[in-house]
Protein backbone atom coordinates (compact mmCIF):
# COMPACT_ATOMS: atom_id res chain seq x y z
CA UNK A 1 -13.82 31.99 -44.36
CA UNK A 2 -13.71 32.82 -40.39
CA UNK A 3 -10.94 34.90 -39.10
CA UNK A 4 -8.49 33.09 -36.61
CA UNK A 5 -5.18 33.58 -34.91
CA UNK A 6 -2.46 31.68 -33.72
CA UNK A 7 -2.94 30.91 -29.84
CA UNK A 8 -0.02 33.34 -28.69
CA UNK A 9 -1.28 36.32 -31.18
CA UNK A 10 -3.34 38.98 -30.04
CA UNK A 11 -4.42 40.20 -33.49
CA UNK A 12 -6.43 38.20 -35.99
CA UNK A 13 -5.72 37.19 -39.61
CA UNK A 14 -7.70 35.63 -42.37
CA UNK A 15 -8.00 31.89 -42.12
CA UNK A 16 -6.92 31.55 -45.97
CA UNK A 17 -3.66 33.51 -45.04
CA UNK A 18 -2.95 31.18 -42.17
CA UNK A 19 -3.40 28.05 -44.42
CA UNK A 20 -0.72 29.98 -47.08
CA UNK A 21 1.61 30.74 -44.19
CA UNK A 22 1.63 27.03 -43.60
CA UNK A 23 2.44 26.07 -47.09
CA UNK A 24 5.96 24.99 -46.25
CA UNK A 25 4.72 21.98 -44.61
CA UNK A 26 5.29 18.75 -46.47
CA UNK A 27 2.21 17.94 -48.60
CA UNK A 28 1.51 21.56 -49.70
CA UNK A 29 -1.46 22.57 -47.31
CA UNK A 30 -2.48 25.60 -49.10
CA UNK A 31 -3.85 23.55 -52.05
CA UNK A 32 -6.42 21.41 -49.91
CA UNK A 33 -9.64 22.66 -48.62
CA UNK A 34 -9.99 21.25 -45.02
CA UNK A 35 -13.07 19.99 -43.41
CA UNK A 36 -14.20 21.30 -40.27
CA UNK A 37 -15.12 18.86 -37.10
CA UNK A 38 -16.36 20.34 -33.89
CA UNK A 39 -15.45 18.43 -30.53
CA UNK A 40 -15.73 19.08 -26.82
CA UNK A 41 -12.11 18.44 -26.11
CA UNK A 42 -8.77 17.81 -28.01
CA UNK A 43 -5.93 16.10 -26.57
CA UNK A 44 -2.30 16.18 -27.86
CA UNK A 45 -0.43 13.14 -26.85
CA UNK A 46 -1.28 9.29 -25.99
CA UNK A 47 0.80 9.40 -22.47
CA UNK A 48 -1.23 7.44 -19.71
CA UNK A 49 -2.13 10.44 -17.94
CA UNK A 50 -3.46 11.97 -21.34
CA UNK A 51 -5.49 8.85 -21.96
CA UNK A 52 -6.70 9.02 -18.35
CA UNK A 53 -7.62 12.32 -18.56
CA UNK A 54 -9.49 11.77 -21.81
CA UNK A 55 -11.45 8.86 -20.09
CA UNK A 56 -12.83 11.04 -17.56
CA UNK A 57 -13.72 13.94 -20.22
CA UNK A 58 -15.31 11.28 -22.21
CA UNK A 59 -17.23 9.73 -19.24
CA UNK A 60 -18.81 13.21 -18.42
CA UNK A 61 -20.41 13.10 -21.77
CA UNK A 62 -17.93 15.21 -23.74
CA UNK A 63 -17.10 14.54 -27.27
CA UNK A 64 -13.10 13.88 -26.98
CA UNK A 65 -10.53 13.28 -29.78
CA UNK A 66 -7.01 12.15 -28.75
CA UNK A 67 -4.14 12.72 -31.22
CA UNK A 68 -0.88 10.30 -31.03
CA UNK A 69 2.21 10.74 -33.05
CA UNK A 70 2.57 8.22 -35.79
CA UNK A 71 5.71 6.96 -34.78
CA UNK A 72 4.54 6.72 -31.19
CA UNK A 73 1.79 4.37 -32.34
CA UNK A 74 4.05 2.09 -34.38
CA UNK A 75 6.22 1.31 -31.42
CA UNK A 76 6.10 -1.85 -29.68
CA UNK A 77 3.57 -1.49 -26.83
CA UNK A 78 6.32 -2.55 -24.16
CA UNK A 79 8.20 0.81 -24.90
CA UNK A 80 5.10 2.73 -23.66
CA UNK A 81 4.58 1.02 -20.43
CA UNK A 82 5.32 1.91 -17.03
CA UNK A 83 8.52 0.48 -15.39
CA UNK A 84 6.57 -0.68 -12.38
CA UNK A 85 2.58 -0.73 -11.36
CA UNK A 86 1.86 0.56 -7.94
CA UNK A 87 -1.04 1.69 -6.26
CA UNK A 88 -3.30 -0.97 -7.59
CA UNK A 89 -3.83 -2.61 -4.34
CA UNK A 90 -7.47 -2.19 -2.92
CA UNK A 91 -7.87 1.40 -1.82
CA UNK A 92 -5.04 2.52 -3.63
CA UNK A 93 -4.82 5.32 -5.74
CA UNK A 94 -4.50 3.62 -9.02
CA UNK A 95 -7.27 1.14 -8.11
CA UNK A 96 -9.53 4.32 -7.13
CA UNK A 97 -8.97 5.66 -10.82
CA UNK A 98 -9.75 2.12 -12.34
CA UNK A 99 -12.98 1.86 -10.39
CA UNK A 100 -14.10 5.32 -11.31
CA UNK A 101 -13.49 4.43 -15.02
CA UNK A 102 -15.46 0.95 -14.73
CA UNK A 103 -12.44 -1.09 -15.40
CA UNK A 104 -13.97 -4.45 -14.57
CA UNK A 105 -12.56 -7.48 -13.11
CA UNK A 106 -12.84 -9.53 -16.34
CA UNK A 107 -10.51 -6.77 -17.65
CA UNK A 108 -8.13 -6.73 -14.57
CA UNK A 109 -7.71 -10.51 -14.98
CA UNK A 110 -4.41 -9.64 -16.90
CA UNK A 111 -3.03 -7.63 -13.96
CA UNK A 112 -0.65 -10.19 -11.74
CA UNK A 113 0.60 -9.62 -8.63
CA UNK A 114 4.28 -10.46 -7.75
CA UNK A 115 5.53 -11.24 -4.36
CA UNK A 116 8.98 -9.69 -5.25
CA UNK A 117 8.13 -6.02 -6.39
CA UNK A 118 11.77 -5.69 -7.63
CA UNK A 119 15.62 -6.45 -7.34
CA UNK A 120 18.48 -4.15 -6.69
CA UNK A 121 21.76 -5.08 -7.84
CA UNK A 122 24.52 -3.61 -5.97
CA UNK A 123 28.24 -4.52 -6.66
CA UNK A 124 28.17 -7.41 -3.98
CA UNK A 125 24.48 -7.66 -2.83
CA UNK A 126 21.07 -8.68 -4.50
CA UNK A 127 18.14 -7.07 -2.41
CA UNK A 128 14.65 -8.12 -2.83
CA UNK A 129 11.80 -5.62 -2.48
CA UNK A 130 8.42 -6.24 -1.55
CA UNK A 131 8.67 -8.65 1.61
CA UNK A 132 8.42 -5.89 4.10
CA UNK A 133 10.76 -3.70 6.01
CA UNK A 134 11.74 -6.24 8.54
CA UNK A 135 12.99 -8.74 5.97
CA UNK A 136 14.73 -6.19 3.88
CA UNK A 137 16.39 -4.65 6.86
CA UNK A 138 17.69 -8.35 7.80
CA UNK A 139 19.03 -8.59 4.22
CA UNK A 140 20.89 -5.06 4.48
CA UNK A 141 22.57 -6.47 7.58
CA UNK A 142 23.61 -9.85 6.35
CA UNK A 143 25.07 -8.25 3.21
CA UNK A 144 26.96 -5.93 5.70
CA UNK A 145 25.50 -2.52 4.40
CA UNK A 146 24.34 -1.37 7.56
CA UNK A 147 22.98 -2.31 10.86
CA UNK A 148 19.58 -4.00 11.17
CA UNK A 149 18.17 -1.31 13.60
CA UNK A 150 19.36 1.66 11.73
CA UNK A 151 18.06 0.08 8.34
CA UNK A 152 14.66 -0.57 10.30
CA UNK A 153 14.16 2.89 11.52
CA UNK A 154 14.90 4.35 8.00
CA UNK A 155 12.76 2.00 6.28
CA UNK A 156 9.46 2.12 8.60
CA UNK A 157 10.06 6.25 8.43
CA UNK A 158 9.97 6.15 4.68
CA UNK A 159 6.81 3.64 4.63
CA UNK A 160 5.08 5.91 7.16
CA UNK A 161 5.58 8.91 5.09
CA UNK A 162 4.80 7.02 1.87
CA UNK A 163 1.43 5.95 3.50
CA UNK A 164 0.68 9.57 4.13
CA UNK A 165 1.42 10.70 0.48
CA UNK A 166 -0.60 7.87 -1.12
CA UNK A 167 -3.49 8.63 1.15
CA UNK A 168 -3.22 12.40 -0.21
CA UNK A 169 -3.16 11.19 -3.54
CA UNK A 170 -6.21 8.94 -3.26
CA UNK A 171 -8.05 11.71 -1.43
CA UNK A 172 -6.92 14.58 -3.79
CA UNK A 173 -5.12 16.63 -0.83
CA UNK A 174 -1.99 18.37 -1.68
CA UNK A 175 1.33 16.29 -1.64
CA UNK A 176 3.76 17.46 0.91
CA UNK A 177 7.28 17.32 -0.79
CA UNK A 178 10.48 18.37 1.24
CA UNK A 179 14.13 18.47 0.23
CA UNK A 180 16.50 15.74 1.65
CA UNK A 181 15.62 12.97 3.78
CA UNK A 182 15.63 14.48 7.20
CA UNK A 183 11.76 14.98 7.71
CA UNK A 184 8.41 13.15 7.29
CA UNK A 185 5.03 13.90 8.20
CA UNK A 186 3.19 10.67 9.00
CA UNK A 187 -0.30 9.78 8.91
CA UNK A 188 -2.99 12.95 9.11
CA UNK A 189 -1.97 14.18 12.52
CA UNK A 190 0.16 16.78 11.04
CA UNK A 191 3.10 16.10 13.54
CA UNK A 192 6.33 16.30 12.08
CA UNK A 193 8.95 13.73 13.29
CA UNK A 194 12.66 13.25 12.62
CA UNK A 195 13.63 10.58 10.30
CA UNK A 196 17.23 9.05 9.81
CA UNK A 197 19.17 9.44 6.14
CA UNK A 198 19.45 6.48 4.39
CA UNK A 199 22.21 4.11 5.87
CA UNK A 200 25.36 5.14 4.12
CA UNK A 201 25.90 1.61 2.56
CA UNK A 202 22.68 1.65 0.44
CA UNK A 203 22.61 5.49 -0.40
CA UNK A 204 23.60 5.05 -4.23
CA UNK A 205 21.40 1.96 -4.49
CA UNK A 206 18.39 3.91 -3.15
CA UNK A 207 19.28 6.74 -5.56
CA UNK A 208 19.18 4.41 -8.24
CA UNK A 209 15.74 3.14 -7.17
CA UNK A 210 14.53 6.53 -7.25
CA UNK A 211 15.83 7.13 -10.75
CA UNK A 212 14.43 4.10 -11.99
CA UNK A 213 10.93 4.42 -10.34
CA UNK A 214 10.44 8.24 -10.51
CA UNK A 215 10.98 10.47 -13.91
CA UNK A 216 13.12 12.71 -12.27
CA UNK A 217 16.89 13.32 -12.75
CA UNK A 218 19.20 11.37 -10.77
CA UNK A 219 20.80 14.25 -8.82
CA UNK A 220 17.45 15.63 -7.52
CA UNK A 221 16.09 15.71 -4.14
CA UNK A 222 12.44 14.11 -4.61
CA UNK A 223 12.18 11.36 -2.25
CA UNK A 224 8.88 9.89 -3.77
CA UNK A 225 8.08 8.03 -0.55
CA UNK A 226 4.41 7.39 -1.98
CA UNK A 227 6.38 5.35 -4.63
CA UNK A 228 8.70 3.51 -2.09
CA UNK A 229 6.06 2.60 0.39
CA UNK A 230 4.28 -0.19 -1.99
CA UNK A 231 7.74 -0.95 -3.25
CA UNK A 232 8.92 -1.89 0.32
CA UNK A 233 5.78 -3.64 1.34
CA UNK A 234 2.79 -4.41 -1.01
CA UNK A 235 4.53 -6.52 -3.64
CA UNK A 236 4.58 -5.37 -7.33
CA UNK A 237 2.01 -5.82 -10.25
CA UNK A 238 2.79 -6.47 -13.79
CA UNK A 239 0.45 -7.36 -16.74
CA UNK A 240 0.26 -10.90 -17.61
CA UNK A 241 2.34 -11.06 -20.80
CA UNK A 242 3.56 -8.91 -23.58
CA UNK A 243 0.48 -8.97 -25.69
CA UNK A 244 -1.75 -7.21 -22.92
CA UNK A 245 0.13 -3.97 -21.92
CA UNK A 246 -1.08 -1.59 -19.20
CA UNK A 247 -1.54 1.21 -21.79
CA UNK A 248 -3.87 -0.70 -23.71
CA UNK A 249 -6.21 -1.29 -20.71
CA UNK A 250 -6.32 2.50 -20.45
CA UNK A 251 -7.11 2.92 -23.90
CA UNK A 252 -10.00 0.46 -24.32
CA UNK A 253 -11.76 2.41 -21.40
CA UNK A 254 -11.23 5.57 -23.28
CA UNK A 255 -12.63 4.11 -26.58
CA UNK A 256 -15.55 2.47 -24.46
CA UNK A 257 -16.68 6.13 -23.61
CA UNK A 258 -17.03 6.89 -27.16
CA UNK A 259 -13.86 8.76 -27.38
CA UNK A 260 -11.60 9.04 -30.64
CA UNK A 261 -7.74 8.42 -31.13
CA UNK A 262 -6.50 9.73 -34.18
CA UNK A 263 -2.84 9.38 -35.43
CA UNK A 264 -1.06 12.25 -36.87
CA UNK A 265 2.33 13.27 -38.27
CA UNK A 266 2.21 17.04 -38.13
CA UNK A 267 -0.32 19.87 -37.41
CA UNK A 268 -0.56 23.19 -36.50
CA UNK A 269 -2.38 25.14 -33.39
CA UNK A 270 -4.50 28.19 -33.57
CA UNK A 271 -7.57 29.75 -31.63
CA UNK A 272 -10.75 31.21 -33.00
CA UNK A 273 -13.58 32.86 -31.22
CA UNK A 274 -12.21 31.47 -27.80
CA UNK A 275 -11.58 27.86 -29.12
CA UNK A 276 -8.74 25.61 -30.11
CA UNK A 277 -8.03 24.65 -33.52
CA UNK A 278 -5.84 21.74 -34.68
CA UNK A 279 -4.98 22.08 -38.26
CA UNK A 280 -3.90 18.64 -39.86
CA UNK A 281 -3.98 19.98 -43.43
CA UNK A 282 -7.04 18.06 -44.38
CA UNK A 283 -9.32 18.65 -41.32
CA UNK A 284 -9.63 21.71 -39.19
CA UNK A 285 -10.89 20.42 -35.71
CA UNK A 286 -12.01 23.04 -32.63
CA UNK A 287 -13.26 22.76 -29.22
CA UNK A 288 -13.20 24.66 -26.22
CA UNK A 289 -10.37 22.91 -24.40
CA UNK A 290 -7.14 21.51 -25.25
CA UNK A 291 -5.32 18.74 -23.03
CA UNK A 292 -1.83 18.69 -23.39
CA UNK A 293 -0.79 15.30 -22.69
CA UNK A 294 2.68 15.27 -24.27
CA UNK A 295 5.67 16.74 -22.74
CA UNK A 296 5.65 20.50 -23.12
CA UNK A 297 9.33 21.20 -24.36
CA UNK A 298 8.90 18.54 -26.97
CA UNK A 299 5.83 19.76 -28.24
CA UNK A 300 7.19 23.30 -28.44
CA UNK A 301 10.31 22.41 -30.36
CA UNK A 302 8.04 20.47 -32.59
CA UNK A 303 5.82 23.40 -33.33
CA UNK A 304 8.44 25.99 -33.55
CA UNK A 305 9.84 24.26 -36.73
CA UNK A 306 7.21 25.96 -38.71
CA UNK A 307 5.93 28.98 -36.75
CA UNK A 308 5.97 30.38 -33.26
CA UNK A 309 4.59 27.92 -30.52
CA UNK A 310 1.92 29.37 -28.20
CA UNK A 311 3.16 31.39 -25.32
CA UNK A 312 1.88 28.93 -22.82
CA UNK A 313 4.49 26.77 -23.95
CA UNK A 314 7.45 29.31 -23.61
CA UNK A 315 10.29 28.73 -21.14
CA UNK A 316 9.52 24.95 -20.71
CA UNK A 317 12.88 23.20 -19.57
CA UNK A 318 13.82 20.43 -22.13
CA UNK A 319 13.77 16.79 -20.56
CA UNK A 320 16.83 14.49 -20.47
CA UNK A 321 16.49 11.59 -22.84
CA UNK A 322 16.56 8.05 -21.24
CA UNK A 323 17.84 5.54 -23.58
CA UNK A 324 15.45 2.36 -24.01
CA UNK A 325 16.50 -0.80 -25.55
CA UNK A 326 14.04 -4.21 -26.59
CA UNK A 327 15.33 -7.57 -26.30
CA UNK A 328 14.24 -10.80 -27.08
CA UNK A 329 15.74 -13.51 -24.92
CA UNK A 330 15.13 -17.33 -24.11
CA UNK A 331 13.71 -17.92 -20.63
CA UNK A 332 16.37 -20.60 -20.03
CA UNK A 333 19.18 -17.88 -20.67
CA UNK A 334 17.87 -15.82 -17.67
CA UNK A 335 19.36 -16.21 -14.33
CA UNK A 336 17.27 -18.38 -11.88
CA UNK A 337 15.66 -16.06 -9.31
CA UNK A 338 15.58 -12.90 -11.22
CA UNK A 339 12.35 -10.83 -10.59
CA UNK A 340 10.28 -9.25 -13.23
CA UNK A 341 11.86 -6.14 -12.38
CA UNK A 342 15.49 -5.35 -11.93
CA UNK A 343 17.50 -2.39 -11.32
CA UNK A 344 21.33 -2.48 -11.73
CA UNK A 345 22.79 0.22 -9.73
CA UNK A 346 26.58 -0.23 -10.49
CA UNK A 347 27.97 3.19 -12.18
CA UNK A 348 28.40 4.11 -14.86
CA UNK A 349 26.13 1.20 -16.36
CA UNK A 350 22.88 2.13 -14.46
CA UNK A 351 20.03 0.16 -16.12
CA UNK A 352 16.47 -0.86 -15.07
CA UNK A 353 15.00 -4.14 -16.71
CA UNK A 354 11.24 -5.07 -16.89
CA UNK A 355 10.61 -8.67 -18.24
CA UNK A 356 7.23 -9.83 -20.11
CA UNK A 357 6.48 -13.17 -21.02
CA UNK A 358 5.99 -13.84 -24.84
CA UNK A 359 2.00 -14.51 -25.41
CA UNK A 360 2.59 -17.40 -28.14
CA UNK A 361 5.74 -18.87 -26.68
CA UNK A 362 6.29 -19.75 -23.15
CA UNK A 363 10.03 -20.08 -23.49
CA UNK A 364 10.46 -16.62 -24.66
CA UNK A 365 10.60 -13.52 -22.75
CA UNK A 366 10.68 -9.84 -24.16
CA UNK A 367 12.86 -7.64 -21.73
CA UNK A 368 12.84 -3.68 -22.04
CA UNK A 369 15.96 -2.24 -20.72
CA UNK A 370 16.03 1.55 -19.52
CA UNK A 371 18.76 4.09 -18.49
CA UNK A 372 22.18 5.12 -19.17
CA UNK A 373 23.67 1.58 -19.67
CA UNK A 374 21.05 0.79 -21.99
CA UNK A 375 22.42 2.92 -24.90
CA UNK A 376 25.53 0.81 -25.15
CA UNK A 377 23.48 -2.43 -25.37
CA UNK A 378 25.16 -4.74 -27.86
CA UNK A 379 22.95 -6.54 -30.24
CA UNK A 380 24.53 -10.11 -29.05
CA UNK A 381 24.80 -10.66 -25.43
CA UNK A 382 22.75 -7.42 -24.43
CA UNK A 383 22.19 -8.60 -20.87
CA UNK A 384 25.89 -8.35 -19.99
CA UNK A 385 26.88 -10.05 -17.02
CA UNK A 386 23.27 -10.72 -16.00
CA UNK A 387 23.24 -13.41 -18.96
CA UNK A 388 26.92 -13.72 -20.03
CA UNK A 389 26.46 -17.05 -21.57
CA UNK A 390 23.47 -16.72 -23.50
CA UNK A 391 24.96 -16.57 -26.88
CA UNK A 392 22.16 -16.44 -29.50
CA UNK A 393 19.36 -16.96 -27.12
CA UNK A 394 19.29 -13.17 -26.34
CA UNK A 395 19.07 -10.53 -29.52
CA UNK A 396 18.39 -6.93 -29.00
CA UNK A 397 15.90 -5.93 -31.45
CA UNK A 398 15.83 -2.41 -33.57
CA UNK A 399 13.04 -0.35 -32.24
CA UNK A 400 13.03 2.31 -34.84
CA UNK A 401 13.23 6.15 -34.55
CA UNK A 402 11.72 7.53 -31.46
CA UNK A 403 8.67 9.79 -31.49
CA UNK A 404 9.46 13.51 -31.69
CA UNK A 405 6.80 15.00 -29.36
CA UNK A 406 4.61 12.33 -28.36
CA UNK A 407 6.79 10.33 -25.49
CA UNK A 408 6.00 8.79 -22.37
CA UNK A 409 7.58 9.27 -19.16
CA UNK A 410 9.65 6.02 -19.06
CA UNK A 411 11.86 7.51 -21.93
CA UNK A 412 12.10 10.96 -20.06
CA UNK A 413 13.83 12.64 -17.00
CA UNK A 414 12.20 15.92 -16.09
CA UNK A 415 14.18 18.55 -14.43
CA UNK A 416 11.29 20.57 -12.84
CA UNK A 417 9.53 18.69 -9.66
CA UNK A 418 6.11 19.26 -11.44
CA UNK A 419 4.50 21.25 -14.25
CA UNK A 420 1.32 23.94 -13.85
CA UNK A 421 -2.08 22.32 -14.80
CA UNK A 422 -3.70 25.31 -16.03
CA UNK A 423 -1.69 26.69 -19.01
CA UNK A 424 -4.24 29.13 -20.40
CA UNK A 425 -7.98 30.29 -19.29
CA UNK A 426 -9.29 31.25 -22.77
CA UNK A 427 -9.16 29.18 -24.68
CA UNK A 428 -8.83 26.65 -21.73
CA UNK A 429 -5.79 24.89 -21.93
CA UNK A 430 -4.85 22.06 -19.18
CA UNK A 431 -1.76 19.74 -18.80
CA UNK A 432 -1.82 16.34 -18.33
CA UNK A 433 0.77 13.40 -18.37
CA UNK A 434 3.95 12.47 -16.58
CA UNK A 435 5.28 16.05 -16.30
CA UNK A 436 2.68 17.03 -13.68
CA UNK A 437 4.29 15.17 -10.77
CA UNK A 438 7.22 13.22 -12.05
CA UNK A 439 8.72 12.62 -8.64
CA UNK A 440 5.56 10.52 -7.72
CA UNK A 441 5.84 8.08 -10.48
CA UNK A 442 3.04 6.06 -12.16
CA UNK A 443 0.28 6.96 -9.29
CA UNK A 444 1.25 10.68 -9.38
CA UNK A 445 0.83 10.93 -13.07
CA UNK A 446 -2.52 9.25 -13.24
CA UNK A 447 -4.03 10.88 -10.06
CA UNK A 448 -2.83 14.33 -11.20
CA UNK A 449 -4.13 14.00 -14.71
CA UNK A 450 -7.24 12.75 -13.16
CA UNK A 451 -7.31 16.20 -11.18
CA UNK A 452 -6.86 18.04 -14.35
CA UNK A 453 -9.75 16.45 -16.37
CA UNK A 454 -11.90 17.14 -13.36
CA UNK A 455 -10.91 20.89 -13.33
CA UNK A 456 -11.51 21.08 -16.93
CA UNK A 457 -14.80 19.58 -16.65
CA UNK A 458 -15.90 22.18 -13.90
CA UNK A 459 -14.52 24.77 -15.80
CA UNK A 460 -16.52 23.95 -18.67
CA UNK A 461 -19.90 23.31 -16.68
CA UNK A 462 -20.04 19.74 -18.06
């Protein structure tokens, strides 16, 4: 048997000894003679960014295998969906990715544009986003939160900087990140302008929006105007109903390029002759490239239960868990005028809610509740004051245990502003997924994962 070594070891050890070392794994691996398979790339995790990276790799002619955790695969697909789809307008960053991956109009027919992107519920106000800065500034004035001119200056400054960041995303330029709310860099001129801070009356609501739209901790300074831009002006997008999640659209493209999706419960990582190996107990899979699409801290904790994790996972900060709840509700029980995406900003019950019609029963909707307020969701009347008289027309559904290492950005909040792309040069290990650019939301995850894949393709000479 060939000699191999764990990814973080300098000295090699016999393969048989390495398998015996893993005999404490359930299933008694030492008694199994594993089959050997070879690929061009292996992907750990099934986040949206990981699937996009895999699709680009497979499109380049590489043979790719993507591994997702069994618990993740068994969860309702709605729990793996992004809270808000943005960048799908013509020429947007996400639109560019779908075009490059060959997602045709017949597949996009399930994507529906909503005139109201989302609603922000404050203690005594309901703000509708997506109608433009002028309409939103007028609403802020009517609710007595701030003056019209003050709000319009702030909103237009945010839109201007958001446009610049989205152009950078679409054209693979570095994103300029600045702490606080004091400066913007509009357009491509390179000039810097002063931008007023958020009006005092909506500062808490703005922080709640930022928390909902971006996978960052509420107290962070990430502004993410690239996310706010389409929220303010362009309208929002969603999948037509609960039977066609956006994640499935990307998975179908990955499989169309002859990629493989494999479900696993446990595994071990090792390296051999400059290649990465994944040992599932019954199979050993080798490739010159490993893409880490799962959150690094969760992956490190999982691997360290049985042996030391690779050195390129050392020191990764643990993300914060975001409670998620699934609710089945009669449409008649929901308040009239409720948008498809809602953010409740009242402290301490911060929640963001997404609605999806049932594919088989038009009178039923499925709601996903995220945020600190979701952890105390009662089984009956789970929507609280949003539907106080729903009675037995709304019911919280048990979602089962959460995946241990294969998690999406909707259920995590990352403390670091971004993660490195290149984790190891030999064997080649690159990162993908929501951790790469958490302050830029879905568009940042998709575009950053695309760049990771293109960089890996170039390194492999494919």
